[in-house]
All heavy atoms as atom14 arrays in JSON, in Angstrom:
{
  "sequence": "AQAVAAKLGVEAQFVEAEWDSLFAGMDAGRIDVVVNEVEYSEQRAQKY",
  "atom14_mask": [
    [1, 1, 1, 1, 1, 0, 0, 0, 0, 0, 0, 0, 0, 0],
    [1, 1, 1, 1, 1, 1, 1, 1, 1, 0, 0, 0, 0, 0],
    [1, 1, 1, 1, 1, 0, 0, 0, 0, 0, 0, 0, 0, 0],
    [1, 1, 1, 1, 1, 1, 1, 0, 0, 0, 0, 0, 0, 0],
    [1, 1, 1, 1, 1, 0, 0, 0, 0, 0, 0, 0, 0, 0],
    [1, 1, 1, 1, 1, 0, 0, 0, 0, 0, 0, 0, 0, 0],
    [1, 1, 1, 1, 1, 1, 1, 1, 1, 0, 0, 0, 0, 0],
    [1, 1, 1, 1, 1, 1, 1, 1, 0, 0, 0, 0, 0, 0],
    [1, 1, 1, 1, 0, 0, 0, 0, 0, 0, 0, 0, 0, 0],
    [1, 1, 1, 1, 1, 1, 1, 0, 0, 0, 0, 0, 0, 0],
    [1, 1, 1, 1, 1, 1, 1, 1, 1, 0, 0, 0, 0, 0],
    [1, 1, 1, 1, 1, 0, 0, 0, 0, 0, 0, 0, 0, 0],
    [1, 1, 1, 1, 1, 1, 1, 1, 1, 0, 0, 0, 0, 0],
    [1, 1, 1, 1, 1, 1, 1, 1, 1, 1, 1, 0, 0, 0],
    [1, 1, 1, 1, 1, 1, 1, 0, 0, 0, 0, 0, 0, 0],
    [1, 1, 1, 1, 1, 1, 1, 1, 1, 0, 0, 0, 0, 0],
    [1, 1, 1, 1, 1, 0, 0, 0, 0, 0, 0, 0, 0, 0],
    [1, 1, 1, 1, 1, 1, 1, 1, 1, 0, 0, 0, 0, 0],
    [1, 1, 1, 1, 1, 1, 1, 1, 1, 1, 1, 1, 1, 1],
    [1, 1, 1, 1, 1, 1, 1, 1, 0, 0, 0, 0, 0, 0],
    [1, 1, 1, 1, 1, 1, 0, 0, 0, 0, 0, 0, 0, 0],
    [1, 1, 1, 1, 1, 1, 1, 1, 0, 0, 0, 0, 0, 0],
    [1, 1, 1, 1, 1, 1, 1, 1, 1, 1, 1, 0, 0, 0],
    [1, 1, 1, 1, 1, 0, 0, 0, 0, 0, 0, 0, 0, 0],
    [1, 1, 1, 1, 0, 0, 0, 0, 0, 0, 0, 0, 0, 0],
    [1, 1, 1, 1, 1, 1, 1, 1, 0, 0, 0, 0, 0, 0],
    [1, 1, 1, 1, 1, 1, 1, 1, 0, 0, 0, 0, 0, 0],
    [1, 1, 1, 1, 1, 0, 0, 0, 0, 0, 0, 0, 0, 0],
    [1, 1, 1, 1, 0, 0, 0, 0, 0, 0, 0, 0, 0, 0],
    [1, 1, 1, 1, 1, 1, 1, 1, 1, 1, 1, 0, 0, 0],
    [1, 1, 1, 1, 1, 1, 1, 1, 0, 0, 0, 0, 0, 0],
    [1, 1, 1, 1, 1, 1, 1, 1, 0, 0, 0, 0, 0, 0],
    [1, 1, 1, 1, 1, 1, 1, 0, 0, 0, 0, 0, 0, 0],
    [1, 1, 1, 1, 1, 1, 1, 0, 0, 0, 0, 0, 0, 0],
    [1, 1, 1, 1, 1, 1, 1, 0, 0, 0, 0, 0, 0, 0],
    [1, 1, 1, 1, 1, 1, 1, 1, 0, 0, 0, 0, 0, 0],
    [1, 1, 1, 1, 1, 1, 1, 1, 1, 0, 0, 0, 0, 0],
    [1, 1, 1, 1, 1, 1, 1, 0, 0, 0, 0, 0, 0, 0],
    [1, 1, 1, 1, 1, 1, 1, 1, 1, 0, 0, 0, 0, 0],
    [1, 1, 1, 1, 1, 1, 1, 1, 1, 1, 1, 1, 0, 0],
    [1, 1, 1, 1, 1, 1, 0, 0, 0, 0, 0, 0, 0, 0],
    [1, 1, 1, 1, 1, 1, 1, 1, 1, 0, 0, 0, 0, 0],
    [1, 1, 1, 1, 1, 1, 1, 1, 1, 0, 0, 0, 0, 0],
    [1, 1, 1, 1, 1, 1, 1, 1, 1, 1, 1, 0, 0, 0],
    [1, 1, 1, 1, 1, 0, 0, 0, 0, 0, 0, 0, 0, 0],
    [1, 1, 1, 1, 1, 1, 1, 1, 1, 0, 0, 0, 0, 0],
    [1, 1, 1, 1, 1, 1, 1, 1, 1, 0, 0, 0, 0, 0],
    [1, 1, 1, 1, 1, 1, 1, 1, 1, 1, 1, 1, 0, 0]
  ],
  "atom14_positions": [
    [[-40.0, -17.81, 50.08], [-39.11, -18.84, 50.61], [-39.86, -19.77, 51.56], [-39.66, -20.99, 51.55], [-37.93, -18.2, 51.31], [0.0, 0.0, 0.0], [0.0, 0.0, 0.0], [0.0, 0.0, 0.0], [0.0, 0.0, 0.0], [0.0, 0.0, 0.0], [0.0, 0.0, 0.0], [0.0, 0.0, 0.0], [0.0, 0.0, 0.0], [0.0, 0.0, 0.0]],
    [[-40.7, -19.21, 52.4], [-41.48, -20.04, 53.33], [-42.41, -20.98, 52.58], [-42.56, -22.14, 52.97], [-42.28, -19.13, 54.27], [-41.42, -18.39, 55.3], [-42.2, -17.34, 56.06], [-43.18, -16.78, 55.56], [-41.76, -17.06, 57.29], [0.0, 0.0, 0.0], [0.0, 0.0, 0.0], [0.0, 0.0, 0.0], [0.0, 0.0, 0.0], [0.0, 0.0, 0.0]],
    [[-43.01, -20.48, 51.51], [-43.92, -21.33, 50.72], [-43.16, -22.44, 50.01], [-43.64, -23.59, 49.95], [-44.68, -20.47, 49.7], [0.0, 0.0, 0.0], [0.0, 0.0, 0.0], [0.0, 0.0, 0.0], [0.0, 0.0, 0.0], [0.0, 0.0, 0.0], [0.0, 0.0, 0.0], [0.0, 0.0, 0.0], [0.0, 0.0, 0.0], [0.0, 0.0, 0.0]],
    [[-41.98, -22.13, 49.48], [-41.17, -23.16, 48.82], [-40.79, -24.24, 49.83], [-40.9, -25.44, 49.55], [-39.91, -22.54, 48.19], [-38.91, -23.63, 47.78], [-40.28, -21.68, 46.99], [0.0, 0.0, 0.0], [0.0, 0.0, 0.0], [0.0, 0.0, 0.0], [0.0, 0.0, 0.0], [0.0, 0.0, 0.0], [0.0, 0.0, 0.0], [0.0, 0.0, 0.0]],
    [[-40.36, -23.83, 51.01], [-39.99, -24.79, 52.05], [-41.18, -25.68, 52.4], [-41.04, -26.91, 52.54], [-39.48, -24.06, 53.28], [0.0, 0.0, 0.0], [0.0, 0.0, 0.0], [0.0, 0.0, 0.0], [0.0, 0.0, 0.0], [0.0, 0.0, 0.0], [0.0, 0.0, 0.0], [0.0, 0.0, 0.0], [0.0, 0.0, 0.0], [0.0, 0.0, 0.0]],
    [[-42.35, -25.08, 52.54], [-43.54, -25.84, 52.9], [-43.87, -26.88, 51.82], [-44.26, -28.01, 52.13], [-44.72, -24.9, 53.11], [0.0, 0.0, 0.0], [0.0, 0.0, 0.0], [0.0, 0.0, 0.0], [0.0, 0.0, 0.0], [0.0, 0.0, 0.0], [0.0, 0.0, 0.0], [0.0, 0.0, 0.0], [0.0, 0.0, 0.0], [0.0, 0.0, 0.0]],
    [[-43.69, -26.52, 50.56], [-43.99, -27.44, 49.47], [-42.93, -28.55, 49.38], [-43.21, -29.62, 48.84], [-44.12, -26.68, 48.16], [-45.34, -25.76, 48.16], [-45.54, -25.04, 46.86], [-46.69, -24.04, 46.95], [-47.95, -24.61, 47.42], [0.0, 0.0, 0.0], [0.0, 0.0, 0.0], [0.0, 0.0, 0.0], [0.0, 0.0, 0.0], [0.0, 0.0, 0.0]],
    [[-41.75, -28.29, 49.92], [-40.74, -29.36, 50.03], [-41.02, -30.25, 51.22], [-40.4, -31.32, 51.36], [-39.33, -28.75, 50.16], [-38.78, -27.95, 48.98], [-37.36, -27.49, 49.28], [-38.81, -28.76, 47.71], [0.0, 0.0, 0.0], [0.0, 0.0, 0.0], [0.0, 0.0, 0.0], [0.0, 0.0, 0.0], [0.0, 0.0, 0.0], [0.0, 0.0, 0.0]],
    [[-41.91, -29.8, 52.12], [-42.25, -30.58, 53.3], [-41.31, -30.35, 54.47], [-41.19, -31.19, 55.35], [0.0, 0.0, 0.0], [0.0, 0.0, 0.0], [0.0, 0.0, 0.0], [0.0, 0.0, 0.0], [0.0, 0.0, 0.0], [0.0, 0.0, 0.0], [0.0, 0.0, 0.0], [0.0, 0.0, 0.0], [0.0, 0.0, 0.0], [0.0, 0.0, 0.0]],
    [[-40.64, -29.17, 54.49], [-39.7, -28.85, 55.57], [-39.99, -27.46, 56.11], [-40.79, -26.71, 55.55], [-38.23, -28.93, 55.08], [-37.89, -30.34, 54.62], [-37.99, -27.92, 53.95], [0.0, 0.0, 0.0], [0.0, 0.0, 0.0], [0.0, 0.0, 0.0], [0.0, 0.0, 0.0], [0.0, 0.0, 0.0], [0.0, 0.0, 0.0], [0.0, 0.0, 0.0]],
    [[-39.32, -27.1, 57.2], [-39.46, -25.78, 57.8], [-38.46, -24.81, 57.15], [-37.38, -25.21, 56.73], [-39.19, -25.84, 59.3], [-40.19, -26.68, 60.09], [-41.56, -26.03, 60.13], [-41.63, -24.79, 60.14], [-42.56, -26.77, 60.15], [0.0, 0.0, 0.0], [0.0, 0.0, 0.0], [0.0, 0.0, 0.0], [0.0, 0.0, 0.0], [0.0, 0.0, 0.0]],
    [[-38.85, -23.55, 57.09], [-37.94, -22.5, 56.6], [-37.12, -21.97, 57.77], [-37.66, -21.57, 58.79], [-38.73, -21.38, 55.96], [0.0, 0.0, 0.0], [0.0, 0.0, 0.0], [0.0, 0.0, 0.0], [0.0, 0.0, 0.0], [0.0, 0.0, 0.0], [0.0, 0.0, 0.0], [0.0, 0.0, 0.0], [0.0, 0.0, 0.0], [0.0, 0.0, 0.0]],
    [[-35.81, -21.96, 57.61], [-34.9, -21.41, 58.62], [-34.09, -20.31, 57.94], [-33.38, -20.56, 56.97], [-33.97, -22.49, 59.17], [-32.95, -21.98, 60.18], [-32.03, -23.07, 60.67], [-32.38, -24.25, 60.69], [-30.82, -22.7, 61.06], [0.0, 0.0, 0.0], [0.0, 0.0, 0.0], [0.0, 0.0, 0.0], [0.0, 0.0, 0.0], [0.0, 0.0, 0.0]],
    [[-34.18, -19.09, 58.46], [-33.53, -17.95, 57.81], [-32.21, -17.59, 58.48], [-32.08, -17.62, 59.7], [-34.45, -16.73, 57.82], [-35.64, -16.88, 56.92], [-36.86, -17.34, 57.42], [-35.54, -16.59, 55.57], [-37.96, -17.49, 56.58], [-36.63, -16.75, 54.72], [-37.84, -17.2, 55.22], [0.0, 0.0, 0.0], [0.0, 0.0, 0.0], [0.0, 0.0, 0.0]],
    [[-31.25, -17.24, 57.64], [-29.97, -16.7, 58.09], [-29.85, -15.31, 57.47], [-29.87, -15.16, 56.24], [-28.79, -17.57, 57.63], [-27.46, -16.9, 57.98], [-28.87, -18.95, 58.26], [0.0, 0.0, 0.0], [0.0, 0.0, 0.0], [0.0, 0.0, 0.0], [0.0, 0.0, 0.0], [0.0, 0.0, 0.0], [0.0, 0.0, 0.0], [0.0, 0.0, 0.0]],
    [[-29.75, -14.28, 58.3], [-29.68, -12.91, 57.81], [-28.22, -12.45, 57.77], [-27.45, -12.68, 58.7], [-30.49, -11.98, 58.7], [-31.97, -12.29, 58.69], [-32.76, -11.37, 59.6], [-32.63, -10.14, 59.47], [-33.49, -11.89, 60.47], [0.0, 0.0, 0.0], [0.0, 0.0, 0.0], [0.0, 0.0, 0.0], [0.0, 0.0, 0.0], [0.0, 0.0, 0.0]],
    [[-27.87, -11.8, 56.67], [-26.49, -11.32, 56.51], [-26.48, -10.27, 55.41], [-27.44, -10.12, 54.65], [-25.55, -12.47, 56.16], [0.0, 0.0, 0.0], [0.0, 0.0, 0.0], [0.0, 0.0, 0.0], [0.0, 0.0, 0.0], [0.0, 0.0, 0.0], [0.0, 0.0, 0.0], [0.0, 0.0, 0.0], [0.0, 0.0, 0.0], [0.0, 0.0, 0.0]],
    [[-25.37, -9.54, 55.31], [-25.2, -8.59, 54.21], [-25.07, -9.36, 52.91], [-24.73, -10.54, 52.87], [-23.97, -7.72, 54.45], [-24.11, -6.78, 55.64], [-22.9, -5.89, 55.84], [-21.9, -6.08, 55.09], [-22.94, -5.01, 56.7], [0.0, 0.0, 0.0], [0.0, 0.0, 0.0], [0.0, 0.0, 0.0], [0.0, 0.0, 0.0], [0.0, 0.0, 0.0]],
    [[-25.32, -8.66, 51.82], [-25.43, -9.29, 50.51], [-24.26, -10.21, 50.18], [-24.45, -11.38, 49.84], [-25.56, -8.19, 49.45], [-25.64, -8.68, 48.05], [-24.65, -8.7, 47.13], [-26.8, -9.22, 47.4], [-25.11, -9.22, 45.93], [-26.43, -9.55, 46.07], [-28.11, -9.47, 47.8], [-27.31, -10.1, 45.16], [-29.0, -10.01, 46.89], [-28.6, -10.33, 45.59]],
    [[-23.05, -9.71, 50.25], [-21.89, -10.52, 49.88], [-21.75, -11.74, 50.77], [-21.34, -12.83, 50.31], [-20.6, -9.69, 49.95], [-20.58, -8.57, 48.91], [-21.33, -8.69, 47.92], [-19.84, -7.6, 49.1], [0.0, 0.0, 0.0], [0.0, 0.0, 0.0], [0.0, 0.0, 0.0], [0.0, 0.0, 0.0], [0.0, 0.0, 0.0], [0.0, 0.0, 0.0]],
    [[-22.08, -11.6, 52.04], [-21.94, -12.7, 52.99], [-22.93, -13.82, 52.7], [-22.68, -14.99, 53.05], [-22.13, -12.2, 54.42], [-21.14, -11.24, 54.75], [0.0, 0.0, 0.0], [0.0, 0.0, 0.0], [0.0, 0.0, 0.0], [0.0, 0.0, 0.0], [0.0, 0.0, 0.0], [0.0, 0.0, 0.0], [0.0, 0.0, 0.0], [0.0, 0.0, 0.0]],
    [[-24.06, -13.49, 52.07], [-25.05, -14.52, 51.76], [-24.46, -15.57, 50.82], [-24.6, -16.77, 51.03], [-26.29, -13.88, 51.12], [-27.12, -12.95, 52.02], [-28.24, -12.32, 51.21], [-27.69, -13.72, 53.2], [0.0, 0.0, 0.0], [0.0, 0.0, 0.0], [0.0, 0.0, 0.0], [0.0, 0.0, 0.0], [0.0, 0.0, 0.0], [0.0, 0.0, 0.0]],
    [[-23.78, -15.13, 49.77], [-23.22, -16.06, 48.81], [-22.0, -16.78, 49.38], [-21.76, -17.95, 49.08], [-22.87, -15.32, 47.52], [-24.08, -14.86, 46.78], [-24.59, -13.59, 46.97], [-24.74, -15.7, 45.91], [-25.73, -13.16, 46.31], [-25.88, -15.29, 45.24], [-26.37, -14.01, 45.45], [0.0, 0.0, 0.0], [0.0, 0.0, 0.0], [0.0, 0.0, 0.0]],
    [[-21.24, -16.09, 50.23], [-20.11, -16.76, 50.9], [-20.64, -17.87, 51.79], [-20.04, -18.95, 51.88], [-19.33, -15.74, 51.73], [0.0, 0.0, 0.0], [0.0, 0.0, 0.0], [0.0, 0.0, 0.0], [0.0, 0.0, 0.0], [0.0, 0.0, 0.0], [0.0, 0.0, 0.0], [0.0, 0.0, 0.0], [0.0, 0.0, 0.0], [0.0, 0.0, 0.0]],
    [[-21.78, -17.63, 52.45], [-22.39, -18.66, 53.29], [-22.87, -19.83, 52.48], [-22.77, -20.99, 52.91], [0.0, 0.0, 0.0], [0.0, 0.0, 0.0], [0.0, 0.0, 0.0], [0.0, 0.0, 0.0], [0.0, 0.0, 0.0], [0.0, 0.0, 0.0], [0.0, 0.0, 0.0], [0.0, 0.0, 0.0], [0.0, 0.0, 0.0], [0.0, 0.0, 0.0]],
    [[-23.41, -19.57, 51.29], [-23.85, -20.66, 50.43], [-22.65, -21.46, 49.91], [-22.68, -22.68, 49.87], [-24.68, -20.12, 49.27], [-25.39, -21.19, 48.49], [-26.82, -20.63, 47.53], [-26.08, -19.4, 46.47], [0.0, 0.0, 0.0], [0.0, 0.0, 0.0], [0.0, 0.0, 0.0], [0.0, 0.0, 0.0], [0.0, 0.0, 0.0], [0.0, 0.0, 0.0]],
    [[-21.58, -20.75, 49.56], [-20.37, -21.43, 49.08], [-19.79, -22.35, 50.16], [-19.26, -23.42, 49.85], [-19.31, -20.41, 48.67], [-19.74, -19.59, 47.46], [-20.67, -20.03, 46.75], [-19.15, -18.52, 47.23], [0.0, 0.0, 0.0], [0.0, 0.0, 0.0], [0.0, 0.0, 0.0], [0.0, 0.0, 0.0], [0.0, 0.0, 0.0], [0.0, 0.0, 0.0]],
    [[-19.9, -21.91, 51.42], [-19.34, -22.69, 52.53], [-20.28, -23.78, 53.02], [-19.92, -24.55, 53.91], [-19.0, -21.74, 53.69], [0.0, 0.0, 0.0], [0.0, 0.0, 0.0], [0.0, 0.0, 0.0], [0.0, 0.0, 0.0], [0.0, 0.0, 0.0], [0.0, 0.0, 0.0], [0.0, 0.0, 0.0], [0.0, 0.0, 0.0], [0.0, 0.0, 0.0]],
    [[-21.49, -23.84, 52.45], [-22.43, -24.88, 52.86], [-23.24, -24.54, 54.1], [-23.95, -25.4, 54.62], [0.0, 0.0, 0.0], [0.0, 0.0, 0.0], [0.0, 0.0, 0.0], [0.0, 0.0, 0.0], [0.0, 0.0, 0.0], [0.0, 0.0, 0.0], [0.0, 0.0, 0.0], [0.0, 0.0, 0.0], [0.0, 0.0, 0.0], [0.0, 0.0, 0.0]],
    [[-23.15, -23.29, 54.57], [-23.92, -22.9, 55.76], [-25.34, -22.46, 55.38], [-26.21, -22.39, 56.24], [-23.22, -21.76, 56.5], [-21.85, -22.13, 57.07], [-21.32, -21.03, 57.98], [-21.11, -19.79, 57.25], [-19.98, -19.47, 56.63], [-18.96, -20.32, 56.64], [-19.85, -18.31, 55.98], [0.0, 0.0, 0.0], [0.0, 0.0, 0.0], [0.0, 0.0, 0.0]],
    [[-25.55, -22.15, 54.11], [-26.83, -21.72, 53.6], [-27.17, -22.6, 52.39], [-26.31, -22.86, 51.55], [-26.79, -20.23, 53.19], [-26.59, -19.34, 54.43], [-28.04, -19.82, 52.44], [-26.35, -17.88, 54.09], [0.0, 0.0, 0.0], [0.0, 0.0, 0.0], [0.0, 0.0, 0.0], [0.0, 0.0, 0.0], [0.0, 0.0, 0.0], [0.0, 0.0, 0.0]],
    [[-28.42, -23.03, 52.3], [-28.83, -23.88, 51.18], [-29.12, -23.05, 49.94], [-28.67, -23.39, 48.83], [-30.08, -24.69, 51.55], [-29.83, -25.64, 52.71], [-28.71, -26.19, 52.8], [-30.76, -25.83, 53.52], [0.0, 0.0, 0.0], [0.0, 0.0, 0.0], [0.0, 0.0, 0.0], [0.0, 0.0, 0.0], [0.0, 0.0, 0.0], [0.0, 0.0, 0.0]],
    [[-29.9, -21.98, 50.1], [-30.28, -21.12, 48.97], [-30.34, -19.68, 49.46], [-30.48, -19.43, 50.66], [-31.66, -21.51, 48.38], [-31.61, -22.9, 47.75], [-32.75, -21.43, 49.44], [0.0, 0.0, 0.0], [0.0, 0.0, 0.0], [0.0, 0.0, 0.0], [0.0, 0.0, 0.0], [0.0, 0.0, 0.0], [0.0, 0.0, 0.0], [0.0, 0.0, 0.0]],
    [[-30.26, -18.75, 48.53], [-30.45, -17.33, 48.84], [-31.73, -16.88, 48.15], [-31.89, -17.07, 46.94], [-29.26, -16.48, 48.35], [-29.56, -15.0, 48.55], [-27.99, -16.86, 49.1], [0.0, 0.0, 0.0], [0.0, 0.0, 0.0], [0.0, 0.0, 0.0], [0.0, 0.0, 0.0], [0.0, 0.0, 0.0], [0.0, 0.0, 0.0], [0.0, 0.0, 0.0]],
    [[-32.65, -16.31, 48.92], [-33.9, -15.78, 48.36], [-33.95, -14.32, 48.75], [-34.33, -13.97, 49.86], [-35.13, -16.55, 48.87], [-36.4, -16.06, 48.18], [-34.96, -18.05, 48.65], [0.0, 0.0, 0.0], [0.0, 0.0, 0.0], [0.0, 0.0, 0.0], [0.0, 0.0, 0.0], [0.0, 0.0, 0.0], [0.0, 0.0, 0.0], [0.0, 0.0, 0.0]],
    [[-33.52, -13.46, 47.82], [-33.36, -12.04, 48.15], [-33.22, -11.23, 46.86], [-32.23, -10.56, 46.64], [-32.11, -11.84, 49.02], [-32.11, -10.52, 49.77], [-32.43, -10.48, 50.96], [-31.77, -9.43, 49.11], [0.0, 0.0, 0.0], [0.0, 0.0, 0.0], [0.0, 0.0, 0.0], [0.0, 0.0, 0.0], [0.0, 0.0, 0.0], [0.0, 0.0, 0.0]],
    [[-34.21, -11.35, 45.98], [-34.18, -10.67, 44.68], [-32.86, -10.93, 43.96], [-32.21, -10.0, 43.44], [-34.43, -9.17, 44.84], [-34.96, -8.52, 43.56], [-35.16, -7.02, 43.7], [-34.19, -6.29, 43.99], [-36.3, -6.58, 43.51], [0.0, 0.0, 0.0], [0.0, 0.0, 0.0], [0.0, 0.0, 0.0], [0.0, 0.0, 0.0], [0.0, 0.0, 0.0]],
    [[-32.45, -12.17, 43.88], [-31.22, -12.54, 43.19], [-31.48, -12.59, 41.69], [-32.45, -13.21, 41.24], [-30.71, -13.91, 43.68], [-29.44, -14.3, 42.92], [-30.44, -13.87, 45.18], [0.0, 0.0, 0.0], [0.0, 0.0, 0.0], [0.0, 0.0, 0.0], [0.0, 0.0, 0.0], [0.0, 0.0, 0.0], [0.0, 0.0, 0.0], [0.0, 0.0, 0.0]],
    [[-30.61, -11.98, 40.93], [-30.72, -11.99, 39.47], [-29.61, -12.84, 38.86], [-28.59, -13.12, 39.5], [-30.64, -10.57, 38.92], [-31.76, -9.67, 39.4], [-31.5, -8.22, 39.06], [-30.69, -7.96, 38.16], [-32.09, -7.35, 39.72], [0.0, 0.0, 0.0], [0.0, 0.0, 0.0], [0.0, 0.0, 0.0], [0.0, 0.0, 0.0], [0.0, 0.0, 0.0]],
    [[-29.82, -13.23, 37.62], [-28.83, -14.02, 36.9], [-27.66, -13.14, 36.47], [-27.83, -11.98, 36.09], [-29.46, -14.64, 35.65], [-28.48, -15.39, 34.79], [-28.23, -16.74, 35.01], [-27.78, -14.75, 33.76], [-27.32, -17.43, 34.22], [-26.87, -15.43, 32.97], [-26.64, -16.77, 33.22], [-25.73, -17.45, 32.45], [0.0, 0.0, 0.0], [0.0, 0.0, 0.0]],
    [[-26.47, -13.69, 36.54], [-25.29, -13.06, 35.93], [-24.35, -14.17, 35.49], [-24.37, -15.28, 36.03], [-24.58, -12.13, 36.92], [-23.88, -12.87, 37.91], [0.0, 0.0, 0.0], [0.0, 0.0, 0.0], [0.0, 0.0, 0.0], [0.0, 0.0, 0.0], [0.0, 0.0, 0.0], [0.0, 0.0, 0.0], [0.0, 0.0, 0.0], [0.0, 0.0, 0.0]],
    [[-23.55, -13.87, 34.48], [-22.6, -14.86, 33.97], [-21.62, -15.28, 35.08], [-21.24, -16.45, 35.17], [-21.83, -14.29, 32.78], [-22.7, -14.02, 31.56], [-23.22, -15.29, 30.93], [-22.64, -16.37, 31.18], [-24.23, -15.21, 30.18], [0.0, 0.0, 0.0], [0.0, 0.0, 0.0], [0.0, 0.0, 0.0], [0.0, 0.0, 0.0], [0.0, 0.0, 0.0]],
    [[-21.23, -14.33, 35.9], [-20.29, -14.63, 36.98], [-20.91, -15.6, 37.98], [-20.27, -16.57, 38.39], [-19.87, -13.34, 37.68], [-18.83, -13.54, 38.77], [-18.4, -12.23, 39.4], [-18.96, -11.18, 39.12], [-17.41, -12.28, 40.26], [0.0, 0.0, 0.0], [0.0, 0.0, 0.0], [0.0, 0.0, 0.0], [0.0, 0.0, 0.0], [0.0, 0.0, 0.0]],
    [[-22.15, -15.35, 38.37], [-22.81, -16.26, 39.32], [-23.06, -17.63, 38.7], [-23.02, -18.65, 39.39], [-24.13, -15.65, 39.79], [-23.95, -14.45, 40.7], [-25.27, -13.81, 41.06], [-25.07, -12.53, 41.73], [-25.94, -11.54, 41.73], [-27.11, -11.68, 41.11], [-25.67, -10.41, 42.35], [0.0, 0.0, 0.0], [0.0, 0.0, 0.0], [0.0, 0.0, 0.0]],
    [[-23.32, -17.66, 37.4], [-23.61, -18.92, 36.72], [-22.42, -19.87, 36.72], [-22.58, -21.06, 36.45], [-24.07, -18.65, 35.29], [0.0, 0.0, 0.0], [0.0, 0.0, 0.0], [0.0, 0.0, 0.0], [0.0, 0.0, 0.0], [0.0, 0.0, 0.0], [0.0, 0.0, 0.0], [0.0, 0.0, 0.0], [0.0, 0.0, 0.0], [0.0, 0.0, 0.0]],
    [[-21.24, -19.36, 37.01], [-20.07, -20.24, 37.12], [-20.15, -21.13, 38.36], [-19.58, -22.22, 38.38], [-18.8, -19.4, 37.16], [-18.53, -18.62, 35.88], [-17.31, -17.72, 36.0], [-16.53, -17.82, 36.94], [-17.14, -16.83, 35.04], [0.0, 0.0, 0.0], [0.0, 0.0, 0.0], [0.0, 0.0, 0.0], [0.0, 0.0, 0.0], [0.0, 0.0, 0.0]],
    [[-20.88, -20.66, 39.37], [-20.97, -21.41, 40.63], [-22.35, -22.01, 40.86], [-22.47, -23.02, 41.56], [-20.65, -20.49, 41.81], [-19.21, -20.09, 41.96], [-19.04, -19.3, 43.25], [-17.6, -18.91, 43.5], [-17.45, -18.17, 44.78], [0.0, 0.0, 0.0], [0.0, 0.0, 0.0], [0.0, 0.0, 0.0], [0.0, 0.0, 0.0], [0.0, 0.0, 0.0]],
    [[-23.4, -21.37, 40.31], [-24.75, -21.75, 40.69], [-25.61, -22.04, 39.46], [-25.4, -21.49, 38.38], [-25.43, -20.62, 41.49], [-24.55, -20.0, 42.55], [-24.1, -18.69, 42.43], [-24.13, -20.74, 43.66], [-23.29, -18.12, 43.39], [-23.3, -20.17, 44.62], [-22.87, -18.87, 44.48], [-22.06, -18.31, 45.42], [0.0, 0.0, 0.0], [0.0, 0.0, 0.0]]
  ]
}
């Protein structure tokens, strides 16, 4: 995540939370992306 941020030309800012809260934070716009061994699922693909 830090390397991706650097290549975008910005700083990496981390928000730590339990698994379910990470996606709730992204849905609410408080988190830009989740980098935490996220895998594809049909359910997630409806939103992301």
